[in-house]
Amino acid sequence: MKVLLVNGSSRKNGCTNVALCEVARALNEEGIETEQFFIGNEALPDCIACRKCRETGQCVFHDSVNEFVEKAKSADGFVFGSPVYFAHPSGRLLTFMDRAFYSGGAAFQFKPAAAVLSARRAGTTASFDVINKYFTICSMPVVSSTYWNHVYGAQPEEVAEDKEGLMTMYNIGKNMAWLLKCIALGKENGLAHPHNEKVLTNFTR
């Protein structure tokens, strides 16, 4: 089993990385393989609603989004991490997730996911809510912890001192490992995921 951990910060080794590494540590202890995917610092075009991905299965912009979706197809779970900017996740991560989930939504369905946030002081719960909505629209089990999924600190060394925050990250990894093993056991015993109906309507009809 493998979990992809997405670093949505513009700093590869910043506060968000500290949080993700603690989640990975717990997963690795449970025998779960992990890979951290850094979105990078290059410019990311926003979704332009061209719908070409419906024809080709890929976003028309050939960058880290398509690379990630390919990896997502064989992954079993996900953790999306972000710093908090003005009480929301990084614009970089939201652009990335908009395009990944729109062009490759099937790669995420029924796979557990967690959101983790890092902040100097506040805005984490609002950001947590934003990221979780990607999961719920894709029928993904949302992995919880023993507190809200965030760490505090303006610098990585400060996050390292947030003992409760790091405990929360560690417990996310433990809870995700347990859920992944439960899903695997269910599959071994013939329990498949549901096949959801989908009806699209507008408010006017």
N, C-alpha and C. Protein backbone atom coordinates (compact mmCIF):
# COMPACT_ATOMS: atom_id res chain seq x y z
N MET A 1 0.84 -1.19 0.00
CA MET A 1 0.00 0.00 0.00
C MET A 1 0.88 1.24 0.00
N LYS A 2 0.37 2.29 -0.65
CA LYS A 2 1.16 3.51 -0.79
C LYS A 2 0.29 4.75 -0.61
N VAL A 3 0.84 5.73 0.09
CA VAL A 3 0.17 7.02 0.30
C VAL A 3 1.01 8.13 -0.32
N LEU A 4 0.37 8.99 -1.10
CA LEU A 4 1.02 10.16 -1.65
C LEU A 4 0.76 11.35 -0.74
N LEU A 5 1.82 12.05 -0.37
CA LEU A 5 1.71 13.24 0.48
C LEU A 5 2.09 14.45 -0.36
N VAL A 6 1.14 15.35 -0.57
CA VAL A 6 1.33 16.50 -1.45
C VAL A 6 1.72 17.73 -0.65
N ASN A 7 2.85 18.30 -1.00
CA ASN A 7 3.33 19.51 -0.34
C ASN A 7 2.91 20.71 -1.18
N GLY A 8 1.89 21.44 -0.71
CA GLY A 8 1.36 22.58 -1.44
C GLY A 8 1.99 23.91 -1.08
N SER A 9 3.12 23.86 -0.39
CA SER A 9 3.84 25.09 -0.05
C SER A 9 4.81 25.45 -1.17
N SER A 10 5.19 26.72 -1.23
CA SER A 10 6.21 27.12 -2.19
C SER A 10 7.61 26.83 -1.65
N ARG A 11 7.67 26.43 -0.38
CA ARG A 11 8.95 26.08 0.25
C ARG A 11 8.99 24.58 0.49
N LYS A 12 9.88 23.91 -0.20
CA LYS A 12 9.92 22.44 -0.13
C LYS A 12 10.21 21.93 1.27
N ASN A 13 11.05 22.62 2.01
CA ASN A 13 11.45 22.16 3.34
C ASN A 13 10.96 23.08 4.44
N GLY A 14 9.77 23.65 4.24
CA GLY A 14 9.20 24.56 5.22
C GLY A 14 8.36 23.88 6.27
N CYS A 15 7.45 24.63 6.87
CA CYS A 15 6.61 24.13 7.96
C CYS A 15 5.70 22.99 7.52
N THR A 16 5.14 23.10 6.33
CA THR A 16 4.24 22.05 5.83
C THR A 16 4.98 20.73 5.69
N ASN A 17 6.23 20.79 5.27
CA ASN A 17 7.03 19.58 5.14
C ASN A 17 7.22 18.88 6.48
N VAL A 18 7.42 19.65 7.53
CA VAL A 18 7.58 19.06 8.86
C VAL A 18 6.33 18.26 9.24
N ALA A 19 5.16 18.84 8.96
CA ALA A 19 3.90 18.16 9.27
C ALA A 19 3.76 16.88 8.45
N LEU A 20 4.03 16.97 7.16
CA LEU A 20 3.88 15.81 6.29
C LEU A 20 4.85 14.69 6.67
N CYS A 21 6.05 15.05 7.06
CA CYS A 21 7.04 14.04 7.44
C CYS A 21 6.60 13.27 8.68
N GLU A 22 5.90 13.95 9.58
CA GLU A 22 5.42 13.27 10.79
C GLU A 22 4.28 12.30 10.45
N VAL A 23 3.41 12.68 9.52
CA VAL A 23 2.38 11.75 9.05
C VAL A 23 3.04 10.54 8.40
N ALA A 24 4.04 10.80 7.56
CA ALA A 24 4.74 9.71 6.86
C ALA A 24 5.43 8.78 7.84
N ARG A 25 5.98 9.33 8.91
CA ARG A 25 6.66 8.49 9.91
C ARG A 25 5.71 7.45 10.50
N ALA A 26 4.50 7.89 10.83
CA ALA A 26 3.53 6.96 11.40
C ALA A 26 3.09 5.92 10.37
N LEU A 27 2.88 6.36 9.14
CA LEU A 27 2.50 5.41 8.08
C LEU A 27 3.59 4.37 7.86
N ASN A 28 4.83 4.82 7.80
CA ASN A 28 5.95 3.90 7.57
C ASN A 28 6.07 2.88 8.69
N GLU A 29 5.81 3.30 9.92
CA GLU A 29 5.85 2.37 11.05
C GLU A 29 4.82 1.25 10.90
N GLU A 30 3.74 1.56 10.18
CA GLU A 30 2.68 0.57 9.96
C GLU A 30 2.86 -0.21 8.66
N GLY A 31 4.02 -0.04 8.04
CA GLY A 31 4.32 -0.79 6.82
C GLY A 31 3.73 -0.19 5.56
N ILE A 32 3.29 1.07 5.63
CA ILE A 32 2.72 1.74 4.47
C ILE A 32 3.80 2.56 3.77
N GLU A 33 3.97 2.34 2.48
CA GLU A 33 4.94 3.11 1.69
C GLU A 33 4.43 4.54 1.50
N THR A 34 5.33 5.51 1.52
CA THR A 34 4.94 6.90 1.31
C THR A 34 5.83 7.57 0.27
N GLU A 35 5.28 8.56 -0.39
CA GLU A 35 6.04 9.39 -1.32
C GLU A 35 5.55 10.82 -1.19
N GLN A 36 6.46 11.74 -0.97
CA GLN A 36 6.07 13.14 -0.89
C GLN A 36 6.19 13.77 -2.28
N PHE A 37 5.13 14.45 -2.68
CA PHE A 37 5.06 15.09 -4.00
C PHE A 37 5.05 16.59 -3.80
N PHE A 38 6.15 17.23 -4.17
CA PHE A 38 6.27 18.68 -4.04
C PHE A 38 5.76 19.31 -5.34
N ILE A 39 4.75 20.17 -5.21
CA ILE A 39 4.15 20.79 -6.39
C ILE A 39 5.16 21.62 -7.16
N GLY A 40 6.07 22.24 -6.44
CA GLY A 40 7.09 23.04 -7.08
C GLY A 40 6.78 24.52 -7.07
N ASN A 41 7.70 25.29 -7.64
CA ASN A 41 7.57 26.74 -7.64
C ASN A 41 7.27 27.34 -9.00
N GLU A 42 7.15 26.48 -10.01
CA GLU A 42 6.85 27.01 -11.34
C GLU A 42 5.41 27.51 -11.38
N ALA A 43 5.14 28.40 -12.33
CA ALA A 43 3.78 28.93 -12.47
C ALA A 43 2.83 27.81 -12.86
N LEU A 44 1.68 27.78 -12.20
CA LEU A 44 0.65 26.78 -12.49
C LEU A 44 -0.57 27.47 -13.09
N PRO A 45 -0.92 27.18 -14.33
CA PRO A 45 -2.14 27.78 -14.90
C PRO A 45 -3.37 27.25 -14.19
N ASP A 46 -4.35 28.10 -14.03
CA ASP A 46 -5.62 27.70 -13.45
C ASP A 46 -6.42 26.91 -14.49
N CYS A 47 -7.43 26.16 -14.04
CA CYS A 47 -8.32 25.47 -14.96
C CYS A 47 -9.03 26.49 -15.84
N ILE A 48 -9.06 26.24 -17.14
CA ILE A 48 -9.70 27.18 -18.07
C ILE A 48 -11.04 26.63 -18.59
N ALA A 49 -11.53 25.57 -17.97
CA ALA A 49 -12.84 25.00 -18.30
C ALA A 49 -12.98 24.66 -19.77
N CYS A 50 -11.89 24.18 -20.38
CA CYS A 50 -11.95 23.81 -21.80
C CYS A 50 -12.57 22.42 -22.00
N ARG A 51 -12.58 21.62 -20.92
CA ARG A 51 -13.16 20.28 -20.91
C ARG A 51 -12.44 19.30 -21.84
N LYS A 52 -11.25 19.63 -22.28
CA LYS A 52 -10.48 18.71 -23.13
C LYS A 52 -10.11 17.44 -22.37
N CYS A 53 -10.01 17.55 -21.04
CA CYS A 53 -9.67 16.37 -20.25
C CYS A 53 -10.75 15.30 -20.36
N ARG A 54 -11.97 15.70 -20.69
CA ARG A 54 -13.05 14.73 -20.87
C ARG A 54 -12.82 13.89 -22.13
N GLU A 55 -12.06 14.43 -23.05
CA GLU A 55 -11.76 13.71 -24.31
C GLU A 55 -10.47 12.91 -24.21
N THR A 56 -9.46 13.50 -23.55
CA THR A 56 -8.13 12.90 -23.56
C THR A 56 -7.76 12.20 -22.26
N GLY A 57 -8.48 12.52 -21.18
CA GLY A 57 -8.13 11.96 -19.88
C GLY A 57 -6.99 12.69 -19.19
N GLN A 58 -6.50 13.77 -19.82
CA GLN A 58 -5.41 14.57 -19.25
C GLN A 58 -5.72 16.04 -19.37
N CYS A 59 -5.15 16.83 -18.45
CA CYS A 59 -5.27 18.27 -18.55
C CYS A 59 -4.45 18.76 -19.75
N VAL A 60 -4.93 19.80 -20.41
CA VAL A 60 -4.22 20.34 -21.57
C VAL A 60 -2.89 20.98 -21.19
N PHE A 61 -2.75 21.38 -19.93
CA PHE A 61 -1.48 21.94 -19.47
C PHE A 61 -0.61 20.79 -18.97
N HIS A 62 0.49 20.56 -19.63
CA HIS A 62 1.35 19.42 -19.30
C HIS A 62 2.40 19.84 -18.27
N ASP A 63 2.02 19.68 -17.03
CA ASP A 63 2.92 20.05 -15.93
C ASP A 63 2.77 19.04 -14.80
N SER A 64 3.03 19.46 -13.57
CA SER A 64 3.03 18.53 -12.44
C SER A 64 1.66 17.94 -12.15
N VAL A 65 0.58 18.56 -12.61
CA VAL A 65 -0.76 18.02 -12.36
C VAL A 65 -0.93 16.67 -13.03
N ASN A 66 -0.62 16.58 -14.31
CA ASN A 66 -0.74 15.30 -15.02
C ASN A 66 0.19 14.25 -14.45
N GLU A 67 1.37 14.66 -14.06
CA GLU A 67 2.32 13.73 -13.43
C GLU A 67 1.73 13.16 -12.15
N PHE A 68 1.12 14.03 -11.35
CA PHE A 68 0.54 13.58 -10.10
C PHE A 68 -0.65 12.66 -10.31
N VAL A 69 -1.53 12.99 -11.25
CA VAL A 69 -2.71 12.17 -11.50
C VAL A 69 -2.29 10.75 -11.91
N GLU A 70 -1.22 10.64 -12.68
CA GLU A 70 -0.73 9.31 -13.06
C GLU A 70 -0.29 8.53 -11.83
N LYS A 71 0.39 9.19 -10.92
CA LYS A 71 0.81 8.54 -9.68
C LYS A 71 -0.41 8.19 -8.82
N ALA A 72 -1.41 9.06 -8.84
CA ALA A 72 -2.61 8.86 -8.02
C ALA A 72 -3.37 7.59 -8.39
N LYS A 73 -3.29 7.21 -9.65
CA LYS A 73 -4.03 6.03 -10.12
C LYS A 73 -3.61 4.76 -9.38
N SER A 74 -2.36 4.68 -8.99
CA SER A 74 -1.88 3.47 -8.30
C SER A 74 -1.70 3.69 -6.79
N ALA A 75 -2.01 4.88 -6.30
CA ALA A 75 -1.90 5.15 -4.87
C ALA A 75 -3.14 4.66 -4.14
N ASP A 76 -2.99 4.44 -2.84
CA ASP A 76 -4.10 3.95 -2.02
C ASP A 76 -4.67 5.02 -1.10
N GLY A 77 -3.93 6.09 -0.88
CA GLY A 77 -4.39 7.15 0.00
C GLY A 77 -3.61 8.43 -0.26
N PHE A 78 -4.10 9.53 0.30
CA PHE A 78 -3.51 10.84 0.03
C PHE A 78 -3.52 11.72 1.27
N VAL A 79 -2.49 12.57 1.35
CA VAL A 79 -2.46 13.64 2.33
C VAL A 79 -2.09 14.91 1.58
N PHE A 80 -2.92 15.92 1.70
CA PHE A 80 -2.65 17.21 1.04
C PHE A 80 -2.31 18.23 2.11
N GLY A 81 -1.11 18.79 2.02
CA GLY A 81 -0.65 19.75 3.01
C GLY A 81 -0.48 21.14 2.44
N SER A 82 -0.75 22.15 3.26
CA SER A 82 -0.64 23.53 2.80
C SER A 82 -0.36 24.49 3.95
N PRO A 83 0.39 25.54 3.68
CA PRO A 83 0.42 26.65 4.63
C PRO A 83 -0.88 27.43 4.53
N VAL A 84 -1.15 28.25 5.51
CA VAL A 84 -2.37 29.07 5.51
C VAL A 84 -2.04 30.49 5.06
N TYR A 85 -2.76 30.95 4.04
CA TYR A 85 -2.61 32.33 3.56
C TYR A 85 -3.97 33.02 3.67
N PHE A 86 -4.09 34.06 4.48
CA PHE A 86 -5.34 34.81 4.60
C PHE A 86 -6.54 33.88 4.84
N ALA A 87 -6.35 32.91 5.75
CA ALA A 87 -7.41 31.97 6.15
C ALA A 87 -7.87 31.08 5.02
N HIS A 88 -6.96 30.75 4.10
CA HIS A 88 -7.26 29.77 3.06
C HIS A 88 -5.98 29.04 2.69
N PRO A 89 -6.07 27.86 2.07
CA PRO A 89 -4.87 27.16 1.63
C PRO A 89 -4.15 27.97 0.55
N SER A 90 -2.93 27.59 0.24
CA SER A 90 -2.17 28.31 -0.79
C SER A 90 -2.92 28.26 -2.12
N GLY A 91 -2.90 29.37 -2.85
CA GLY A 91 -3.53 29.40 -4.17
C GLY A 91 -2.92 28.36 -5.08
N ARG A 92 -1.63 28.09 -4.90
CA ARG A 92 -0.92 27.08 -5.69
C ARG A 92 -1.59 25.71 -5.51
N LEU A 93 -1.86 25.34 -4.25
CA LEU A 93 -2.47 24.04 -3.99
C LEU A 93 -3.89 23.97 -4.54
N LEU A 94 -4.65 25.05 -4.39
CA LEU A 94 -6.04 25.03 -4.87
C LEU A 94 -6.09 24.90 -6.40
N THR A 95 -5.22 25.61 -7.09
CA THR A 95 -5.14 25.46 -8.55
C THR A 95 -4.79 24.03 -8.91
N PHE A 96 -3.81 23.48 -8.21
CA PHE A 96 -3.36 22.10 -8.44
C PHE A 96 -4.51 21.11 -8.22
N MET A 97 -5.23 21.27 -7.12
CA MET A 97 -6.31 20.34 -6.80
C MET A 97 -7.51 20.52 -7.72
N ASP A 98 -7.82 21.76 -8.09
CA ASP A 98 -8.91 21.99 -9.05
C ASP A 98 -8.68 21.18 -10.31
N ARG A 99 -7.50 21.29 -10.86
CA ARG A 99 -7.20 20.62 -12.13
C ARG A 99 -7.05 19.11 -11.97
N ALA A 100 -6.41 18.68 -10.88
CA ALA A 100 -6.22 17.24 -10.67
C ALA A 100 -7.54 16.52 -10.46
N PHE A 101 -8.40 17.09 -9.62
CA PHE A 101 -9.67 16.43 -9.32
C PHE A 101 -10.65 16.53 -10.48
N TYR A 102 -10.55 17.60 -11.27
CA TYR A 102 -11.47 17.72 -12.42
C TYR A 102 -11.05 16.81 -13.56
N SER A 103 -9.75 16.75 -13.82
CA SER A 103 -9.28 15.94 -14.96
C SER A 103 -9.10 14.47 -14.60
N GLY A 104 -8.86 14.18 -13.33
CA GLY A 104 -8.55 12.80 -12.95
C GLY A 104 -9.30 12.31 -11.74
N GLY A 105 -10.54 12.74 -11.59
CA GLY A 105 -11.32 12.40 -10.40
C GLY A 105 -11.41 10.92 -10.09
N ALA A 106 -11.45 10.09 -11.12
CA ALA A 106 -11.59 8.64 -10.92
C ALA A 106 -10.40 8.06 -10.16
N ALA A 107 -9.25 8.72 -10.24
CA ALA A 107 -8.05 8.22 -9.56
C ALA A 107 -8.12 8.40 -8.05
N PHE A 108 -9.07 9.20 -7.58
CA PHE A 108 -9.17 9.51 -6.16
C PHE A 108 -10.36 8.84 -5.47
N GLN A 109 -11.34 8.39 -6.22
CA GLN A 109 -12.57 7.88 -5.63
C GLN A 109 -12.34 6.72 -4.67
N PHE A 110 -13.00 6.80 -3.52
CA PHE A 110 -13.03 5.75 -2.49
C PHE A 110 -11.67 5.49 -1.84
N LYS A 111 -10.72 6.42 -2.02
CA LYS A 111 -9.41 6.29 -1.39
C LYS A 111 -9.32 7.29 -0.23
N PRO A 112 -8.87 6.86 0.94
CA PRO A 112 -8.81 7.75 2.10
C PRO A 112 -7.90 8.95 1.86
N ALA A 113 -8.26 10.08 2.45
CA ALA A 113 -7.46 11.29 2.30
C ALA A 113 -7.54 12.13 3.56
N ALA A 114 -6.49 12.92 3.77
CA ALA A 114 -6.45 13.84 4.90
C ALA A 114 -5.86 15.17 4.44
N ALA A 115 -6.32 16.23 5.07
CA ALA A 115 -5.76 17.57 4.84
C ALA A 115 -4.96 17.96 6.07
N VAL A 116 -3.78 18.54 5.87
CA VAL A 116 -3.00 19.07 6.99
C VAL A 116 -2.59 20.50 6.67
N LEU A 117 -2.62 21.35 7.70
CA LEU A 117 -2.33 22.77 7.53
C LEU A 117 -1.26 23.22 8.50
N SER A 118 -0.47 24.19 8.07
CA SER A 118 0.48 24.83 8.97
C SER A 118 0.21 26.32 8.97
N ALA A 119 0.30 26.92 10.13
CA ALA A 119 0.01 28.36 10.24
C ALA A 119 0.82 28.96 11.38
N ARG A 120 1.07 30.26 11.27
CA ARG A 120 1.72 30.96 12.37
C ARG A 120 0.78 31.05 13.56
N ARG A 121 -0.54 31.33 13.25
CA ARG A 121 -1.45 31.54 14.37
C ARG A 121 -2.88 31.08 14.10
N ALA A 122 -3.50 31.47 12.97
CA ALA A 122 -4.93 31.19 12.78
C ALA A 122 -5.23 30.95 11.31
N GLY A 123 -6.51 30.64 11.06
CA GLY A 123 -6.98 30.38 9.70
C GLY A 123 -6.95 28.93 9.29
N THR A 124 -6.54 28.06 10.19
CA THR A 124 -6.37 26.65 9.83
C THR A 124 -7.70 25.93 9.63
N THR A 125 -8.68 26.21 10.49
CA THR A 125 -9.94 25.46 10.38
C THR A 125 -10.69 25.82 9.11
N ALA A 126 -10.64 27.07 8.70
CA ALA A 126 -11.27 27.47 7.43
C ALA A 126 -10.57 26.79 6.26
N SER A 127 -9.25 26.73 6.32
CA SER A 127 -8.48 26.09 5.25
C SER A 127 -8.72 24.58 5.22
N PHE A 128 -8.83 23.99 6.39
CA PHE A 128 -9.13 22.57 6.54
C PHE A 128 -10.44 22.23 5.85
N ASP A 129 -11.44 23.07 6.04
CA ASP A 129 -12.75 22.87 5.43
C ASP A 129 -12.67 22.91 3.91
N VAL A 130 -11.89 23.84 3.37
CA VAL A 130 -11.77 23.98 1.91
C VAL A 130 -11.20 22.70 1.28
N ILE A 131 -10.11 22.20 1.83
CA ILE A 131 -9.48 21.01 1.24
C ILE A 131 -10.35 19.78 1.39
N ASN A 132 -11.02 19.64 2.54
CA ASN A 132 -11.87 18.47 2.76
C ASN A 132 -12.99 18.36 1.73
N LYS A 133 -13.43 19.48 1.19
CA LYS A 133 -14.54 19.43 0.23
C LYS A 133 -14.16 18.75 -1.07
N TYR A 134 -12.89 18.77 -1.42
CA TYR A 134 -12.44 18.00 -2.59
C TYR A 134 -12.67 16.50 -2.34
N PHE A 135 -12.40 16.08 -1.12
CA PHE A 135 -12.54 14.66 -0.78
C PHE A 135 -14.00 14.21 -0.80
N THR A 136 -14.87 15.02 -0.22
CA THR A 136 -16.25 14.59 -0.09
C THR A 136 -16.97 14.54 -1.43
N ILE A 137 -16.53 15.35 -2.39
CA ILE A 137 -17.17 15.32 -3.71
C ILE A 137 -16.69 14.13 -4.53
N CYS A 138 -15.61 13.48 -4.07
CA CYS A 138 -15.07 12.31 -4.78
C CYS A 138 -15.28 11.01 -4.00
N SER A 139 -16.21 10.99 -3.06
CA SER A 139 -16.52 9.77 -2.29
C SER A 139 -15.28 9.22 -1.57
N MET A 140 -14.43 10.11 -1.08
CA MET A 140 -13.21 9.68 -0.40
C MET A 140 -13.43 9.68 1.12
N PRO A 141 -13.11 8.59 1.81
CA PRO A 141 -13.17 8.61 3.27
C PRO A 141 -12.20 9.66 3.82
N VAL A 142 -12.68 10.53 4.68
CA VAL A 142 -11.85 11.60 5.24
C VAL A 142 -11.22 11.11 6.54
N VAL A 143 -9.90 11.16 6.59
CA VAL A 143 -9.16 10.65 7.75
C VAL A 143 -9.04 11.74 8.80
N SER A 144 -9.48 11.42 9.98
CA SER A 144 -9.42 12.36 11.11
C SER A 144 -8.23 12.04 12.00
N SER A 145 -8.08 12.84 13.04
CA SER A 145 -7.02 12.59 14.02
C SER A 145 -7.62 12.74 15.41
N THR A 146 -6.83 13.26 16.34
CA THR A 146 -7.30 13.46 17.70
C THR A 146 -7.45 14.95 18.02
N TYR A 147 -7.26 15.77 17.02
CA TYR A 147 -7.53 17.21 17.09
C TYR A 147 -7.60 17.68 15.65
N TRP A 148 -7.85 18.97 15.44
CA TRP A 148 -7.86 19.47 14.07
C TRP A 148 -6.47 19.29 13.45
N ASN A 149 -6.47 19.01 12.17
CA ASN A 149 -5.22 18.62 11.49
C ASN A 149 -4.32 19.80 11.16
N HIS A 150 -3.73 20.40 12.19
CA HIS A 150 -2.84 21.51 11.91
C HIS A 150 -1.69 21.58 12.90
N VAL A 151 -0.63 22.28 12.44
CA VAL A 151 0.52 22.57 13.30
C VAL A 151 0.73 24.07 13.31
N TYR A 152 1.40 24.55 14.37
CA TYR A 152 1.67 25.98 14.49
C TYR A 152 3.18 26.24 14.41
N GLY A 153 3.49 27.37 13.77
CA GLY A 153 4.88 27.81 13.71
C GLY A 153 5.13 28.64 12.47
N ALA A 154 5.96 29.65 12.62
CA ALA A 154 6.32 30.49 11.47
C ALA A 154 7.53 29.94 10.74
N GLN A 155 8.30 29.09 11.41
CA GLN A 155 9.49 28.48 10.83
C GLN A 155 9.49 26.99 11.18
N PRO A 156 10.16 26.16 10.37
CA PRO A 156 10.17 24.71 10.63
C PRO A 156 10.59 24.35 12.04
N GLU A 157 11.59 25.05 12.58
CA GLU A 157 12.05 24.72 13.94
C GLU A 157 10.99 25.04 14.99
N GLU A 158 10.11 25.98 14.70
CA GLU A 158 9.02 26.27 15.63
C GLU A 158 7.95 25.18 15.56
N VAL A 159 7.67 24.69 14.36
CA VAL A 159 6.72 23.58 14.22
C VAL A 159 7.25 22.36 14.98
N ALA A 160 8.54 22.15 14.94
CA ALA A 160 9.14 21.01 15.64
C ALA A 160 8.91 21.08 17.15
N GLU A 161 8.60 22.28 17.67
CA GLU A 161 8.32 22.45 19.09
C GLU A 161 6.84 22.32 19.43
N ASP A 162 6.00 22.24 18.40
CA ASP A 162 4.55 22.11 18.61
C ASP A 162 4.23 20.63 18.85
N LYS A 163 4.39 20.21 20.07
CA LYS A 163 4.27 18.79 20.40
C LYS A 163 2.86 18.25 20.14
N GLU A 164 1.84 19.04 20.47
CA GLU A 164 0.48 18.57 20.23
C GLU A 164 0.19 18.51 18.73
N GLY A 165 0.67 19.50 18.00
CA GLY A 165 0.48 19.48 16.54
C GLY A 165 1.15 18.28 15.91
N LEU A 166 2.36 17.96 16.33
CA LEU A 166 3.07 16.81 15.78
C LEU A 166 2.38 15.50 16.18
N MET A 167 1.86 15.46 17.40
CA MET A 167 1.08 14.29 17.83
C MET A 167 -0.13 14.11 16.92
N THR A 168 -0.79 15.23 16.58
CA THR A 168 -1.96 15.16 15.70
C THR A 168 -1.57 14.62 14.34
N MET A 169 -0.43 15.06 13.80
CA MET A 169 0.05 14.54 12.50
C MET A 169 0.34 13.04 12.59
N TYR A 170 1.01 12.66 13.66
CA TYR A 170 1.36 11.25 13.85
C TYR A 170 0.09 10.39 13.91
N ASN A 171 -0.91 10.87 14.61
CA ASN A 171 -2.16 10.11 14.74
C ASN A 171 -2.94 10.05 13.42
N ILE A 172 -2.78 11.05 12.59
CA ILE A 172 -3.36 10.96 11.24
C ILE A 172 -2.78 9.77 10.51
N GLY A 173 -1.47 9.63 10.58
CA GLY A 173 -0.82 8.50 9.91
C GLY A 173 -1.28 7.17 10.45
N LYS A 174 -1.41 7.06 11.76
CA LYS A 174 -1.87 5.81 12.37
C LYS A 174 -3.31 5.50 11.97
N ASN A 175 -4.15 6.53 11.99
CA ASN A 175 -5.56 6.32 11.62
C ASN A 175 -5.71 5.96 10.14
N MET A 176 -4.90 6.61 9.29
CA MET A 176 -4.97 6.29 7.87
C MET A 176 -4.49 4.87 7.61
N ALA A 177 -3.42 4.45 8.29
CA ALA A 177 -2.92 3.08 8.12
C ALA A 177 -3.99 2.06 8.51
N TRP A 178 -4.66 2.33 9.62
CA TRP A 178 -5.73 1.43 10.08
C TRP A 178 -6.85 1.36 9.05
N LEU A 179 -7.25 2.51 8.51
CA LEU A 179 -8.33 2.53 7.54
C LEU A 179 -7.93 1.83 6.24
N LEU A 180 -6.71 2.05 5.79
CA LEU A 180 -6.23 1.37 4.58
C LEU A 180 -6.23 -0.15 4.75
N LYS A 181 -5.82 -0.60 5.92
CA LYS A 181 -5.79 -2.04 6.17
C LYS A 181 -7.21 -2.61 6.26
N CYS A 182 -8.14 -1.85 6.81
CA CYS A 182 -9.54 -2.28 6.85
C CYS A 182 -10.12 -2.40 5.45
N ILE A 183 -9.81 -1.44 4.59
CA ILE A 183 -10.29 -1.48 3.21
C ILE A 183 -9.70 -2.67 2.47
N ALA A 184 -8.40 -2.91 2.67
CA ALA A 184 -7.75 -4.04 2.02
C ALA A 184 -8.35 -5.36 2.48
N LEU A 185 -8.63 -5.47 3.77
CA LEU A 185 -9.24 -6.69 4.31
C LEU A 185 -10.63 -6.89 3.73
N GLY A 186 -11.38 -5.80 3.58
CA GLY A 186 -12.70 -5.89 2.98
C GLY A 186 -12.64 -6.40 1.55
N LYS A 187 -11.69 -5.87 0.77
CA LYS A 187 -11.54 -6.31 -0.62
C LYS A 187 -11.19 -7.79 -0.69
N GLU A 188 -10.33 -8.23 0.23
CA GLU A 188 -9.94 -9.64 0.25
C GLU A 188 -11.14 -10.55 0.53
N ASN A 189 -12.14 -10.00 1.18
CA ASN A 189 -13.33 -10.79 1.53
C ASN A 189 -14.54 -10.44 0.67
N GLY A 190 -14.26 -9.88 -0.50
CA GLY A 190 -15.31 -9.65 -1.48
C GLY A 190 -16.17 -8.43 -1.27
N LEU A 191 -15.73 -7.51 -0.40
CA LEU A 191 -16.50 -6.31 -0.15
C LEU A 191 -15.97 -5.17 -1.03
N ALA A 192 -16.70 -4.88 -2.09
CA ALA A 192 -16.29 -3.83 -3.03
C ALA A 192 -16.90 -2.49 -2.62
N HIS A 193 -16.34 -1.42 -3.14
CA HIS A 193 -16.90 -0.10 -2.86
C HIS A 193 -18.23 0.07 -3.60
N PRO A 194 -19.09 0.95 -3.14
CA PRO A 194 -20.40 1.13 -3.80
C PRO A 194 -20.25 1.78 -5.17
N HIS A 195 -21.25 1.60 -5.99
CA HIS A 195 -21.31 2.26 -7.29
C HIS A 195 -22.36 3.36 -7.18
N ASN A 196 -21.87 4.58 -7.04
CA ASN A 196 -22.77 5.70 -6.77
C ASN A 196 -23.51 6.15 -8.01
N GLU A 197 -24.75 6.57 -7.80
CA GLU A 197 -25.51 7.21 -8.88
C GLU A 197 -25.04 8.65 -9.03
N LYS A 198 -25.22 9.21 -10.23
CA LYS A 198 -24.85 10.59 -10.44
C LYS A 198 -25.89 11.27 -11.32
N VAL A 199 -26.56 12.25 -10.77
CA VAL A 199 -27.54 13.04 -11.50
C VAL A 199 -27.15 14.50 -11.35
N LEU A 200 -27.01 15.20 -12.45
CA LEU A 200 -26.64 16.61 -12.42
C LEU A 200 -27.84 17.49 -12.77
N THR A 201 -28.14 18.42 -11.90
CA THR A 201 -29.25 19.33 -12.17
C THR A 201 -28.80 20.77 -11.90
N ASN A 202 -29.51 21.70 -12.49
CA ASN A 202 -29.34 23.12 -12.18
C ASN A 202 -30.47 23.53 -11.23
N PHE A 203 -30.34 24.67 -10.61
CA PHE A 203 -31.38 25.14 -9.72
C PHE A 203 -32.65 25.53 -10.49
N THR A 204 -32.48 25.75 -11.78
CA THR A 204 -33.63 26.24 -12.58
C THR A 204 -34.40 25.11 -13.25
N ARG A 205 -33.92 23.87 -13.14
CA ARG A 205 -34.68 22.76 -13.76
C ARG A 205 -34.31 21.44 -13.10
